[in-house]
Amino acid sequence: MMTAVCGSCEAGPAGFKHAVGQPVLIVTAAGPQYFGVLTHYDGFGNVLLKDTAQRITNGTSYADVPLGWVLVRGDDMSALLVDPVVNPVLQKEDDPKQIFPALEDMPAQ
């Protein structure tokens, strides 16, 4: 089940045209959430994101893992949300809910 959520969007991949170039949140059927800028989409609902981060949550805390370019298959997508506040790039550096260390601060394994 795929949903495009933005003011007056069309249902399905046709509604993605309003989101091209904007920050989006994608929720997948498997659970991961991806934040990034929508650059391309096709008729099957596959989308290509740039400047992407995957949000890992633990209760009310979270960590954002930077990924870069990500291709999300349309059959794995549950929702595509368009809203500038979901983009982690736009969030404050001192967000109190982000308690996990940044990747560069984590010791190498």
PDB file of N, CA and C in Angstrom:
ATOM      1  N   MET A   1       0.848  -1.178   0.000  1.00  0.00           N
ATOM      2  CA  MET A   1       0.000   0.000   0.000  1.00  0.00           C
ATOM      3  C   MET A   1       0.889   1.236   0.000  1.00  0.00           C
ATOM      4  N   MET A   2       0.695   2.099  -0.955  1.00  0.00           N
ATOM      5  CA  MET A   2       1.529   3.283  -1.085  1.00  0.00           C
ATOM      6  C   MET A   2       0.656   4.526  -1.006  1.00  0.00           C
ATOM      7  N   THR A   3       1.118   5.520  -0.271  1.00  0.00           N
ATOM      8  CA  THR A   3       0.357   6.741  -0.107  1.00  0.00           C
ATOM      9  C   THR A   3       1.249   7.943  -0.360  1.00  0.00           C
ATOM     10  N   ALA A   4       0.791   8.858  -1.166  1.00  0.00           N
ATOM     11  CA  ALA A   4       1.484  10.141  -1.337  1.00  0.00           C
ATOM     12  C   ALA A   4       0.694  11.169  -0.550  1.00  0.00           C
ATOM     13  N   VAL A   5       1.350  11.819   0.385  1.00  0.00           N
ATOM     14  CA  VAL A   5       0.656  12.771   1.236  1.00  0.00           C
ATOM     15  C   VAL A   5       1.197  14.171   0.969  1.00  0.00           C
ATOM     16  N   CYS A   6       0.420  15.005   0.351  1.00  0.00           N
ATOM     17  CA  CYS A   6       0.769  16.413   0.170  1.00  0.00           C
ATOM     18  C   CYS A   6      -0.491  17.134  -0.268  1.00  0.00           C
ATOM     19  N   GLY A   7      -0.878  18.132   0.434  1.00  0.00           N
ATOM     20  CA  GLY A   7      -2.043  18.952   0.127  1.00  0.00           C
ATOM     21  C   GLY A   7      -3.043  18.353  -0.834  1.00  0.00           C
ATOM     22  N   SER A   8      -2.834  18.558  -2.142  1.00  0.00           N
ATOM     23  CA  SER A   8      -3.802  18.103  -3.138  1.00  0.00           C
ATOM     24  C   SER A   8      -3.140  17.188  -4.162  1.00  0.00           C
ATOM     25  N   CYS A   9      -2.424  16.176  -3.702  1.00  0.00           N
ATOM     26  CA  CYS A   9      -1.731  15.256  -4.605  1.00  0.00           C
ATOM     27  C   CYS A   9      -2.679  14.217  -5.176  1.00  0.00           C
ATOM     28  N   GLU A  10      -2.307  13.707  -6.338  1.00  0.00           N
ATOM     29  CA  GLU A  10      -3.003  12.570  -6.904  1.00  0.00           C
ATOM     30  C   GLU A  10      -2.543  11.325  -6.156  1.00  0.00           C
ATOM     31  N   ALA A  11      -3.338  10.259  -6.227  1.00  0.00           N
ATOM     32  CA  ALA A  11      -2.971   9.016  -5.556  1.00  0.00           C
ATOM     33  C   ALA A  11      -1.863   8.308  -6.319  1.00  0.00           C
ATOM     34  N   GLY A  12      -1.013   7.582  -5.589  1.00  0.00           N
ATOM     35  CA  GLY A  12       0.024   6.776  -6.208  1.00  0.00           C
ATOM     36  C   GLY A  12       1.175   7.595  -6.764  1.00  0.00           C
ATOM     37  N   PRO A  13       1.984   6.961  -7.626  1.00  0.00           N
ATOM     38  CA  PRO A  13       3.182   7.625  -8.150  1.00  0.00           C
ATOM     39  C   PRO A  13       2.901   8.923  -8.901  1.00  0.00           C
ATOM     40  N   ALA A  14       1.721   9.082  -9.473  1.00  0.00           N
ATOM     41  CA  ALA A  14       1.407  10.328 -10.184  1.00  0.00           C
ATOM     42  C   ALA A  14       1.478  11.529  -9.247  1.00  0.00           C
ATOM     43  N   GLY A  15       1.222  11.313  -7.967  1.00  0.00           N
ATOM     44  CA  GLY A  15       1.271  12.390  -6.989  1.00  0.00           C
ATOM     45  C   GLY A  15       2.675  12.802  -6.602  1.00  0.00           C
ATOM     46  N   PHE A  16       3.672  12.002  -6.982  1.00  0.00           N
ATOM     47  CA  PHE A  16       5.046  12.306  -6.601  1.00  0.00           C
ATOM     48  C   PHE A  16       5.595  13.527  -7.325  1.00  0.00           C
ATOM     49  N   LYS A  17       4.991  13.900  -8.452  1.00  0.00           N
ATOM     50  CA  LYS A  17       5.529  15.018  -9.243  1.00  0.00           C
ATOM     51  C   LYS A  17       5.567  16.310  -8.441  1.00  0.00           C
ATOM     52  N   HIS A  18       4.672  16.464  -7.470  1.00  0.00           N
ATOM     53  CA  HIS A  18       4.643  17.669  -6.636  1.00  0.00           C
ATOM     54  C   HIS A  18       5.782  17.683  -5.616  1.00  0.00           C
ATOM     55  N   ALA A  19       6.381  16.514  -5.387  1.00  0.00           N
ATOM     56  CA  ALA A  19       7.402  16.405  -4.353  1.00  0.00           C
ATOM     57  C   ALA A  19       8.826  16.436  -4.897  1.00  0.00           C
ATOM     58  N   VAL A  20       9.000  16.419  -6.209  1.00  0.00           N
ATOM     59  CA  VAL A  20      10.351  16.406  -6.785  1.00  0.00           C
ATOM     60  C   VAL A  20      11.101  17.669  -6.357  1.00  0.00           C
ATOM     61  N   GLY A  21      12.300  17.460  -5.837  1.00  0.00           N
ATOM     62  CA  GLY A  21      13.130  18.568  -5.373  1.00  0.00           C
ATOM     63  C   GLY A  21      12.862  18.981  -3.943  1.00  0.00           C
ATOM     64  N   GLN A  22      11.918  18.316  -3.275  1.00  0.00           N
ATOM     65  CA  GLN A  22      11.577  18.666  -1.899  1.00  0.00           C
ATOM     66  C   GLN A  22      12.024  17.572  -0.939  1.00  0.00           C
ATOM     67  N   PRO A  23      12.280  17.935   0.329  1.00  0.00           N
ATOM     68  CA  PRO A  23      12.594  16.919   1.322  1.00  0.00           C
ATOM     69  C   PRO A  23      11.363  16.069   1.600  1.00  0.00           C
ATOM     70  N   VAL A  24      11.568  14.755   1.694  1.00  0.00           N
ATOM     71  CA  VAL A  24      10.463  13.832   1.941  1.00  0.00           C
ATOM     72  C   VAL A  24      10.860  12.828   3.015  1.00  0.00           C
ATOM     73  N   LEU A  25       9.858  12.228   3.617  1.00  0.00           N
ATOM     74  CA  LEU A  25      10.029  11.104   4.534  1.00  0.00           C
ATOM     75  C   LEU A  25       9.377   9.913   3.866  1.00  0.00           C
ATOM     76  N   ILE A  26      10.104   8.810   3.756  1.00  0.00           N
ATOM     77  CA  ILE A  26       9.543   7.581   3.206  1.00  0.00           C
ATOM     78  C   ILE A  26       9.529   6.539   4.307  1.00  0.00           C
ATOM     79  N   VAL A  27       8.361   5.956   4.534  1.00  0.00           N
ATOM     80  CA  VAL A  27       8.201   4.865   5.483  1.00  0.00           C
ATOM     81  C   VAL A  27       8.059   3.591   4.664  1.00  0.00           C
ATOM     82  N   THR A  28       8.915   2.609   4.930  1.00  0.00           N
ATOM     83  CA  THR A  28       8.864   1.366   4.170  1.00  0.00           C
ATOM     84  C   THR A  28       8.051   0.318   4.917  1.00  0.00           C
ATOM     85  N   ALA A  29       7.593  -0.679   4.175  1.00  0.00           N
ATOM     86  CA  ALA A  29       6.809  -1.764   4.768  1.00  0.00           C
ATOM     87  C   ALA A  29       7.649  -2.555   5.766  1.00  0.00           C
ATOM     88  N   ALA A  30       8.951  -2.635   5.522  1.00  0.00           N
ATOM     89  CA  ALA A  30       9.841  -3.380   6.411  1.00  0.00           C
ATOM     90  C   ALA A  30      10.172  -2.604   7.682  1.00  0.00           C
ATOM     91  N   GLY A  31       9.850  -1.309   7.723  1.00  0.00           N
ATOM     92  CA  GLY A  31      10.068  -0.530   8.927  1.00  0.00           C
ATOM     93  C   GLY A  31      11.005   0.653   8.827  1.00  0.00           C
ATOM     94  N   PRO A  32      12.123   0.565   8.074  1.00  0.00           N
ATOM     95  CA  PRO A  32      13.033   1.714   8.029  1.00  0.00           C
ATOM     96  C   PRO A  32      12.367   2.974   7.486  1.00  0.00           C
ATOM     97  N   GLN A  33      12.816   4.106   8.003  1.00  0.00           N
ATOM     98  CA  GLN A  33      12.342   5.407   7.535  1.00  0.00           C
ATOM     99  C   GLN A  33      13.525   6.137   6.909  1.00  0.00           C
ATOM    100  N   TYR A  34      13.293   6.730   5.744  1.00  0.00           N
ATOM    101  CA  TYR A  34      14.337   7.443   5.028  1.00  0.00           C
ATOM    102  C   TYR A  34      13.922   8.891   4.827  1.00  0.00           C
ATOM    103  N   PHE A  35      14.859   9.810   5.121  1.00  0.00           N
ATOM    104  CA  PHE A  35      14.665  11.235   4.905  1.00  0.00           C
ATOM    105  C   PHE A  35      15.622  11.656   3.805  1.00  0.00           C
ATOM    106  N   GLY A  36      15.126  12.346   2.800  1.00  0.00           N
ATOM    107  CA  GLY A  36      16.006  12.807   1.738  1.00  0.00           C
ATOM    108  C   GLY A  36      15.257  13.700   0.769  1.00  0.00           C
ATOM    109  N   VAL A  37      15.960  14.143  -0.246  1.00  0.00           N
ATOM    110  CA  VAL A  37      15.369  14.997  -1.275  1.00  0.00           C
ATOM    111  C   VAL A  37      14.993  14.113  -2.456  1.00  0.00           C
ATOM    112  N   LEU A  38      13.719  14.135  -2.832  1.00  0.00           N
ATOM    113  CA  LEU A  38      13.232  13.327  -3.950  1.00  0.00           C
ATOM    114  C   LEU A  38      13.763  13.906  -5.256  1.00  0.00           C
ATOM    115  N   THR A  39      14.486  13.086  -6.018  1.00  0.00           N
ATOM    116  CA  THR A  39      15.047  13.563  -7.283  1.00  0.00           C
ATOM    117  C   THR A  39      14.360  12.939  -8.489  1.00  0.00           C
ATOM    118  N   HIS A  40      13.996  11.656  -8.412  1.00  0.00           N
ATOM    119  CA  HIS A  40      13.373  10.964  -9.539  1.00  0.00           C
ATOM    120  C   HIS A  40      12.357   9.948  -9.031  1.00  0.00           C
ATOM    121  N   TYR A  41      11.384   9.614  -9.880  1.00  0.00           N
ATOM    122  CA  TYR A  41      10.425   8.550  -9.593  1.00  0.00           C
ATOM    123  C   TYR A  41       9.986   7.952 -10.921  1.00  0.00           C
ATOM    124  N   ASP A  42       9.391   6.762 -10.861  1.00  0.00           N
ATOM    125  CA  ASP A  42       8.872   6.156 -12.083  1.00  0.00           C
ATOM    126  C   ASP A  42       7.443   5.682 -11.858  1.00  0.00           C
ATOM    127  N   GLY A  43       6.851   5.100 -12.876  1.00  0.00           N
ATOM    128  CA  GLY A  43       5.461   4.668 -12.811  1.00  0.00           C
ATOM    129  C   GLY A  43       5.208   3.501 -11.882  1.00  0.00           C
ATOM    130  N   PHE A  44       6.262   2.824 -11.446  1.00  0.00           N
ATOM    131  CA  PHE A  44       6.118   1.706 -10.518  1.00  0.00           C
ATOM    132  C   PHE A  44       6.219   2.168  -9.066  1.00  0.00           C
ATOM    133  N   GLY A  45       6.440   3.451  -8.856  1.00  0.00           N
ATOM    134  CA  GLY A  45       6.550   3.989  -7.505  1.00  0.00           C
ATOM    135  C   GLY A  45       7.957   3.944  -6.942  1.00  0.00           C
ATOM    136  N   ASN A  46       8.934   3.493  -7.739  1.00  0.00           N
ATOM    137  CA  ASN A  46      10.324   3.522  -7.288  1.00  0.00           C
ATOM    138  C   ASN A  46      10.768   4.980  -7.207  1.00  0.00           C
ATOM    139  N   VAL A  47      11.513   5.320  -6.159  1.00  0.00           N
ATOM    140  CA  VAL A  47      11.965   6.700  -5.992  1.00  0.00           C
ATOM    141  C   VAL A  47      13.463   6.732  -5.711  1.00  0.00           C
ATOM    142  N   LEU A  48      14.100   7.801  -6.158  1.00  0.00           N
ATOM    143  CA  LEU A  48      15.519   8.020  -5.911  1.00  0.00           C
ATOM    144  C   LEU A  48      15.650   9.261  -5.041  1.00  0.00           C
ATOM    145  N   LEU A  49      16.359   9.105  -3.914  1.00  0.00           N
ATOM    146  CA  LEU A  49      16.565  10.198  -2.968  1.00  0.00           C
ATOM    147  C   LEU A  49      18.040  10.554  -2.906  1.00  0.00           C
ATOM    148  N   LYS A  50      18.328  11.848  -2.722  1.00  0.00           N
ATOM    149  CA  LYS A  50      19.706  12.278  -2.473  1.00  0.00           C
ATOM    150  C   LYS A  50      19.769  12.900  -1.085  1.00  0.00           C
ATOM    151  N   ASP A  51      20.985  13.023  -0.556  1.00  0.00           N
ATOM    152  CA  ASP A  51      21.199  13.569   0.799  1.00  0.00           C
ATOM    153  C   ASP A  51      20.321  12.834   1.804  1.00  0.00           C
ATOM    154  N   THR A  52      20.322  11.525   1.726  1.00  0.00           N
ATOM    155  CA  THR A  52      19.411  10.694   2.515  1.00  0.00           C
ATOM    156  C   THR A  52      20.027  10.284   3.842  1.00  0.00           C
ATOM    157  N   ALA A  53      19.168  10.182   4.851  1.00  0.00           N
ATOM    158  CA  ALA A  53      19.546   9.633   6.149  1.00  0.00           C
ATOM    159  C   ALA A  53      18.478   8.630   6.556  1.00  0.00           C
ATOM    160  N   GLN A  54      18.904   7.564   7.227  1.00  0.00           N
ATOM    161  CA  GLN A  54      17.951   6.605   7.781  1.00  0.00           C
ATOM    162  C   GLN A  54      17.812   6.909   9.258  1.00  0.00           C
ATOM    163  N   ARG A  55      16.583   7.042   9.729  1.00  0.00           N
ATOM    164  CA  ARG A  55      16.346   7.326  11.138  1.00  0.00           C
ATOM    165  C   ARG A  55      16.135   6.015  11.886  1.00  0.00           C
ATOM    166  N   ILE A  56      16.936   5.809  12.920  1.00  0.00           N
ATOM    167  CA  ILE A  56      16.812   4.639  13.785  1.00  0.00           C
ATOM    168  C   ILE A  56      16.259   5.130  15.105  1.00  0.00           C
ATOM    169  N   THR A  57      15.126   4.571  15.517  1.00  0.00           N
ATOM    170  CA  THR A  57      14.470   5.035  16.737  1.00  0.00           C
ATOM    171  C   THR A  57      14.555   3.996  17.840  1.00  0.00           C
ATOM    172  N   ASN A  58      14.531   4.497  19.070  1.00  0.00           N
ATOM    173  CA  ASN A  58      14.505   3.659  20.260  1.00  0.00           C
ATOM    174  C   ASN A  58      13.650   4.395  21.275  1.00  0.00           C
ATOM    175  N   GLY A  59      12.362   4.075  21.302  1.00  0.00           N
ATOM    176  CA  GLY A  59      11.443   4.804  22.167  1.00  0.00           C
ATOM    177  C   GLY A  59      11.275   6.220  21.665  1.00  0.00           C
ATOM    178  N   THR A  60      11.630   7.202  22.497  1.00  0.00           N
ATOM    179  CA  THR A  60      11.515   8.602  22.093  1.00  0.00           C
ATOM    180  C   THR A  60      12.844   9.171  21.611  1.00  0.00           C
ATOM    181  N   SER A  61      13.897   8.360  21.592  1.00  0.00           N
ATOM    182  CA  SER A  61      15.212   8.801  21.133  1.00  0.00           C
ATOM    183  C   SER A  61      15.458   8.299  19.717  1.00  0.00           C
ATOM    184  N   TYR A  62      16.381   8.957  19.015  1.00  0.00           N
ATOM    185  CA  TYR A  62      16.663   8.535  17.650  1.00  0.00           C
ATOM    186  C   TYR A  62      18.089   8.887  17.262  1.00  0.00           C
ATOM    187  N   ALA A  63      18.537   8.258  16.198  1.00  0.00           N
ATOM    188  CA  ALA A  63      19.823   8.585  15.580  1.00  0.00           C
ATOM    189  C   ALA A  63      19.622   8.586  14.079  1.00  0.00           C
ATOM    190  N   ASP A  64      20.263   9.510  13.389  1.00  0.00           N
ATOM    191  CA  ASP A  64      20.191   9.592  11.939  1.00  0.00           C
ATOM    192  C   ASP A  64      21.501   9.086  11.347  1.00  0.00           C
ATOM    193  N   VAL A  65      21.400   8.108  10.456  1.00  0.00           N
ATOM    194  CA  VAL A  65      22.570   7.530   9.798  1.00  0.00           C
ATOM    195  C   VAL A  65      22.629   8.070   8.373  1.00  0.00           C
ATOM    196  N   PRO A  66      23.630   8.885   8.036  1.00  0.00           N
ATOM    197  CA  PRO A  66      23.708   9.432   6.675  1.00  0.00           C
ATOM    198  C   PRO A  66      24.022   8.330   5.664  1.00  0.00           C
ATOM    199  N   LEU A  67      23.285   8.318   4.547  1.00  0.00           N
ATOM    200  CA  LEU A  67      23.452   7.287   3.525  1.00  0.00           C
ATOM    201  C   LEU A  67      23.824   7.850   2.159  1.00  0.00           C
ATOM    202  N   GLY A  68      23.482   9.093   1.865  1.00  0.00           N
ATOM    203  CA  GLY A  68      23.739   9.663   0.538  1.00  0.00           C
ATOM    204  C   GLY A  68      22.590   9.369  -0.409  1.00  0.00           C
ATOM    205  N   TRP A  69      22.893   8.743  -1.572  1.00  0.00           N
ATOM    206  CA  TRP A  69      21.870   8.402  -2.564  1.00  0.00           C
ATOM    207  C   TRP A  69      21.220   7.075  -2.201  1.00  0.00           C
ATOM    208  N   VAL A  70      19.880   7.013  -2.261  1.00  0.00           N
ATOM    209  CA  VAL A  70      19.139   5.791  -1.930  1.00  0.00           C
ATOM    210  C   VAL A  70      18.025   5.585  -2.942  1.00  0.00           C
ATOM    211  N   LEU A  71      17.881   4.342  -3.407  1.00  0.00           N
ATOM    212  CA  LEU A  71      16.773   3.949  -4.272  1.00  0.00           C
ATOM    213  C   LEU A  71      15.816   3.121  -3.435  1.00  0.00           C
ATOM    214  N   VAL A  72      14.550   3.542  -3.357  1.00  0.00           N
ATOM    215  CA  VAL A  72      13.533   2.803  -2.606  1.00  0.00           C
ATOM    216  C   VAL A  72      12.553   2.219  -3.612  1.00  0.00           C
ATOM    217  N   ARG A  73      12.368   0.910  -3.542  1.00  0.00           N
ATOM    218  CA  ARG A  73      11.434   0.245  -4.452  1.00  0.00           C
ATOM    219  C   ARG A  73      10.002   0.597  -4.081  1.00  0.00           C
ATOM    220  N   GLY A  74       9.189   0.807  -5.093  1.00  0.00           N
ATOM    221  CA  GLY A  74       7.803   1.185  -4.873  1.00  0.00           C
ATOM    222  C   GLY A  74       6.999   0.141  -4.132  1.00  0.00           C
ATOM    223  N   ASP A  75       7.311  -1.159  -4.338  1.00  0.00           N
ATOM    224  CA  ASP A  75       6.543  -2.204  -3.665  1.00  0.00           C
ATOM    225  C   ASP A  75       6.912  -2.340  -2.194  1.00  0.00           C
ATOM    226  N   ASP A  76       7.962  -1.656  -1.742  1.00  0.00           N
ATOM    227  CA  ASP A  76       8.351  -1.685  -0.333  1.00  0.00           C
ATOM    228  C   ASP A  76       7.933  -0.413   0.398  1.00  0.00           C
ATOM    229  N   MET A  77       7.339   0.537  -0.314  1.00  0.00           N
ATOM    230  CA  MET A  77       7.002   1.832   0.264  1.00  0.00           C
ATOM    231  C   MET A  77       5.587   1.822   0.839  1.00  0.00           C
ATOM    232  N   SER A  78       5.459   2.229   2.089  1.00  0.00           N
ATOM    233  CA  SER A  78       4.140   2.362   2.710  1.00  0.00           C
ATOM    234  C   SER A  78       3.608   3.776   2.580  1.00  0.00           C
ATOM    235  N   ALA A  79       4.490   4.769   2.726  1.00  0.00           N
ATOM    236  CA  ALA A  79       4.044   6.166   2.658  1.00  0.00           C
ATOM    237  C   ALA A  79       5.189   7.056   2.209  1.00  0.00           C
ATOM    238  N   LEU A  80       4.836   8.117   1.501  1.00  0.00           N
ATOM    239  CA  LEU A  80       5.773   9.170   1.125  1.00  0.00           C
ATOM    240  C   LEU A  80       5.166  10.469   1.633  1.00  0.00           C
ATOM    241  N   LEU A  81       5.836  11.096   2.587  1.00  0.00           N
ATOM    242  CA  LEU A  81       5.322  12.310   3.216  1.00  0.00           C
ATOM    243  C   LEU A  81       6.167  13.500   2.794  1.00  0.00           C
ATOM    244  N   VAL A  82       5.521  14.577   2.418  1.00  0.00           N
ATOM    245  CA  VAL A  82       6.218  15.787   1.979  1.00  0.00           C
ATOM    246  C   VAL A  82       6.044  16.855   3.048  1.00  0.00           C
ATOM    247  N   ASP A  83       7.159  17.230   3.691  1.00  0.00           N
ATOM    248  CA  ASP A  83       7.124  18.256   4.727  1.00  0.00           C
ATOM    249  C   ASP A  83       8.557  18.646   5.044  1.00  0.00           C
ATOM    250  N   PRO A  84       8.914  19.903   4.939  1.00  0.00           N
ATOM    251  CA  PRO A  84      10.299  20.302   5.191  1.00  0.00           C
ATOM    252  C   PRO A  84      10.811  19.971   6.584  1.00  0.00           C
ATOM    253  N   VAL A  85       9.937  19.860   7.577  1.00  0.00           N
ATOM    254  CA  VAL A  85      10.427  19.614   8.928  1.00  0.00           C
ATOM    255  C   VAL A  85      10.867  18.177   9.140  1.00  0.00           C
ATOM    256  N   VAL A  86      10.564  17.255   8.217  1.00  0.00           N
ATOM    257  CA  VAL A  86      11.007  15.876   8.394  1.00  0.00           C
ATOM    258  C   VAL A  86      12.444  15.673   7.950  1.00  0.00           C
ATOM    259  N   ASN A  87      13.045  16.657   7.294  1.00  0.00           N
ATOM    260  CA  ASN A  87      14.412  16.525   6.807  1.00  0.00           C
ATOM    261  C   ASN A  87      15.381  16.786   7.956  1.00  0.00           C
ATOM    262  N   PRO A  88      16.204  15.790   8.331  1.00  0.00           N
ATOM    263  CA  PRO A  88      17.118  15.985   9.459  1.00  0.00           C
ATOM    264  C   PRO A  88      18.145  17.081   9.216  1.00  0.00           C
ATOM    265  N   VAL A  89      18.394  17.434   7.971  1.00  0.00           N
ATOM    266  CA  VAL A  89      19.346  18.506   7.670  1.00  0.00           C
ATOM    267  C   VAL A  89      18.838  19.831   8.214  1.00  0.00           C
ATOM    268  N   LEU A  90      17.512  19.989   8.290  1.00  0.00           N
ATOM    269  CA  LEU A  90      16.920  21.239   8.742  1.00  0.00           C
ATOM    270  C   LEU A  90      16.773  21.314  10.256  1.00  0.00           C
ATOM    271  N   GLN A  91      17.087  20.235  10.973  1.00  0.00           N
ATOM    272  CA  GLN A  91      16.922  20.226  12.418  1.00  0.00           C
ATOM    273  C   GLN A  91      18.110  20.886  13.100  1.00  0.00           C
ATOM    274  N   LYS A  92      17.889  21.294  14.342  1.00  0.00           N
ATOM    275  CA  LYS A  92      18.946  21.919  15.128  1.00  0.00           C
ATOM    276  C   LYS A  92      19.988  20.878  15.512  1.00  0.00           C
ATOM    277  N   GLU A  93      21.226  21.326  15.630  1.00  0.00           N
ATOM    278  CA  GLU A  93      22.312  20.440  16.045  1.00  0.00           C
ATOM    279  C   GLU A  93      22.122  19.968  17.483  1.00  0.00           C
ATOM    280  N   ASP A  94      21.515  20.799  18.334  1.00  0.00           N
ATOM    281  CA  ASP A  94      21.390  20.483  19.755  1.00  0.00           C
ATOM    282  C   ASP A  94      20.018  19.911  20.100  1.00  0.00           C
ATOM    283  N   ASP A  95      19.463  19.085  19.229  1.00  0.00           N
ATOM    284  CA  ASP A  95      18.156  18.478  19.463  1.00  0.00           C
ATOM    285  C   ASP A  95      18.250  17.553  20.677  1.00  0.00           C
ATOM    286  N   PRO A  96      17.501  17.830  21.774  1.00  0.00           N
ATOM    287  CA  PRO A  96      17.623  17.032  22.994  1.00  0.00           C
ATOM    288  C   PRO A  96      17.158  15.586  22.839  1.00  0.00           C
ATOM    289  N   LYS A  97      16.340  15.292  21.828  1.00  0.00           N
ATOM    290  CA  LYS A  97      15.876  13.914  21.654  1.00  0.00           C
ATOM    291  C   LYS A  97      16.927  13.034  20.987  1.00  0.00           C
ATOM    292  N   GLN A  98      17.926  13.647  20.365  1.00  0.00           N
ATOM    293  CA  GLN A  98      18.956  12.861  19.698  1.00  0.00           C
ATOM    294  C   GLN A  98      20.049  12.563  20.713  1.00  0.00           C
ATOM    295  N   ILE A  99      19.939  11.412  21.373  1.00  0.00           N
ATOM    296  CA  ILE A  99      20.890  11.082  22.429  1.00  0.00           C
ATOM    297  C   ILE A  99      21.990  10.145  21.957  1.00  0.00           C
ATOM    298  N   PHE A 100      21.798   9.505  20.803  1.00  0.00           N
ATOM    299  CA  PHE A 100      22.843   8.635  20.288  1.00  0.00           C
ATOM    300  C   PHE A 100      23.985   9.493  19.754  1.00  0.00           C
ATOM    301  N   PRO A 101      25.227   9.033  19.859  1.00  0.00           N
ATOM    302  CA  PRO A 101      26.336   9.826  19.326  1.00  0.00           C
ATOM    303  C   PRO A 101      26.310   9.849  17.802  1.00  0.00           C
ATOM    304  N   ALA A 102      26.860  10.890  17.239  1.00  0.00           N
ATOM    305  CA  ALA A 102      26.995  10.959  15.784  1.00  0.00           C
ATOM    306  C   ALA A 102      27.967   9.869  15.344  1.00  0.00           C
ATOM    307  N   LEU A 103      27.846   9.410  14.096  1.00  0.00           N
ATOM    308  CA  LEU A 103      28.693   8.320  13.606  1.00  0.00           C
ATOM    309  C   LEU A 103      30.174   8.634  13.732  1.00  0.00           C
ATOM    310  N   GLU A 104      30.565   9.892  13.450  1.00  0.00           N
ATOM    311  CA  GLU A 104      31.981  10.230  13.522  1.00  0.00           C
ATOM    312  C   GLU A 104      32.509  10.230  14.956  1.00  0.00           C
ATOM    313  N   ASP A 105      31.611  10.292  15.962  1.00  0.00           N
ATOM    314  CA  ASP A 105      32.022  10.271  17.360  1.00  0.00           C
ATOM    315  C   ASP A 105      32.077   8.861  17.935  1.00  0.00           C
ATOM    316  N   MET A 106      31.617   7.870  17.161  1.00  0.00           N
ATOM    317  CA  MET A 106      31.585   6.496  17.657  1.00  0.00           C
ATOM    318  C   MET A 106      32.948   5.846  17.441  1.00  0.00           C
ATOM    319  N   PRO A 107      33.396   5.023  18.413  1.00  0.00           N
ATOM    320  CA  PRO A 107      34.693   4.356  18.248  1.00  0.00           C
ATOM    321  C   PRO A 107      34.638   3.329  17.117  1.00  0.00           C
ATOM    322  N   ALA A 108      35.755   3.173  16.407  1.00  0.00           N
ATOM    323  CA  ALA A 108      35.824   2.185  15.322  1.00  0.00           C
ATOM    324  C   ALA A 108      35.790   0.784  15.914  1.00  0.00           C
ATOM    325  N   GLN A 109      35.149  -0.123  15.228  1.00  0.00           N
ATOM    326  CA  GLN A 109      35.033  -1.511  15.712  1.00  0.00           C
ATOM    327  C   GLN A 109      36.047  -2.384  15.024  1.00  0.00           C
TER     328      GLN A 109
END
